[in-house]
Every structure is written in structure tokens, then in C-alpha cells.
Amino acid sequence: MVMTRPIDGAAATDLNDAGPRRTVTRLPGVPGGRAVVGGLLIAVAGVGTFVSWQQATGAPDQRYAVAAHALRPGDPVTADAIRFERIDLPAGVADAAFRTGAELEGRVVVGPVGEGELLQAGALSDQGEAEPAAEVSVALARELAVDGRLRTGDTVDVYATHDEVTDVVAEGVRVIEVTEAGGSFGDGRELTVTLALSDPTRRAPVIHAARDGKITLVRTTHLARSSSATGAAPPRAGTTDPAPPEGPPPAGGGG
């Protein structure tokens, strides 16, 4: 037994009779320092994920023109033919799309566009290049239509052969559509080509040539023209203006 005696003469105290030792413990539910840091990091990561998701699913910034209803080749692009919708587009696609109505003014559809489809430069004419025109369809053998390689939007010169004489009846005519005669049951040897004729004086000659002679279409899409494609006829094939006489002009009348 261990006895202690105070120096002031008080009675001795037995250490074994002292009360139990006090132990300091952490209160239940209070996290430690490492847990607090870990929770903070998780919270930061969660906020970052939420911000990224919000940016990815937020409304696109740009609005682009789409077809309000189905458009056929030759249709003018009018205000009621389009609507603008917010769309996220890759850079290459966005460059060929249209953001304002001013960019579409004066354009004509050269390829079929379905309702809700994005309007792109490849499906429309250049501004002011084409105008709404009358349409006429001609049936001809495949070899007379560039072996069937004509496409919507091409320009062609229309030649007519009758009694072994060939004339140009229309020049710079825009191709609206090319289909195989007979549809899916055709043998592909004959085509139906729909042409846009903006010059009223060229309609009768083209129709007459299709009925009475043999039409040949010459593709001129990649040839530079000094004027826009209007379907006007050039001078008759094989004719030229007479050359001016050589030498100085004759002297005036004597006097």
C-alpha cells in the first residue's frame, strides 16, 4: 500500500482510495480533420461535375435556318419557308448554314429539303443568281444527258437536232430534277430531266424540240459565263457575223 502525507500535517491519504481517472474522448458524430478535408474535395468535384453537365445540356447559343416545310427544287426561299432554331453545329457544318434572313434573300432551292432540315449552301442557289422559273420536263436517252451524270443544280445548254440540223434552243438552263423514266421499274436507259426556264420566250422552242426533234443536253455547270443563267438562246449554231472588210474605209463621195 502506498501512503501519502501532506506537508501541512493533514491525514495521510491512500492512493488506492482516489477516484477513477478521467479520459477525454471525441464527441460522437464529430469528424476528424482528414474526414473534413476528404469531404471538401468530394464537394468540389461534385460542383465541377454539375457545372460541366449544365454547360453541356444548356441551350445552344446560335440559331440557324431550317425548313418550315418540305421544299422542292425551284422553290424560292421566302420568310414563311424557314424558321430559326437553336442548334449546336460543328464548325465545318456551321460555316455552310445560315444565321440570318438577309443571308437567304434572293436564293432558290436547287435540291430537295425536308421539313425541319438544316438549310445549307449546297442546297441553295447563290443570292440573286437564280429566280423562280417555269418548269418543263423532257424525256431523252441516257447518252443524250451526259450519260445520266446530270445532277440537280447543274446548268445545261439545250440543243435540238431536226433534219440533220442542230441548233441551240436554250442556254444556261438550270436542272431541277433528274429521274429514271418508268421509276423503279425502268431499265435506266431513258431519263426524265426537269428544267427551269426563266425566259418565257424559250419555253415554246424547248417544248417543240422535245416533241419534234431530238434533244441533247450539254452540261455547262463548270464553265464561266459572262451573264447569269436565264435560259436565253444564243445565235443559231454554225452562223457567224460577217467579218468587217480589211483596209481603210472607202473615201467619201467625190465632190
Foldseek 3Di string as FASTA:
>chain_A
DDWDADPVGDDIDDPVPDDDDDDDDDDPPDDDPVVVVVVVVVVVVVVVVVVVVCVVPDFADAKFKAAQAKAAFLAQDDPNGIDIDGDDDPPVQVVFTDRDPVQRAQKTFQHIGHHGGTDGNVRIDHHVQDHRFDKDKFKAFCVLEVNVPDDGQWFWFKWFADPNFIWTLWGRWGWRHKAAPPHPPHPRGMIMIMTGAQDVVSPVVVVCRRVHTHMHIGTCRPPDDPGGGHGHGDPTPPDDDDDDDDDDDDDDDDD
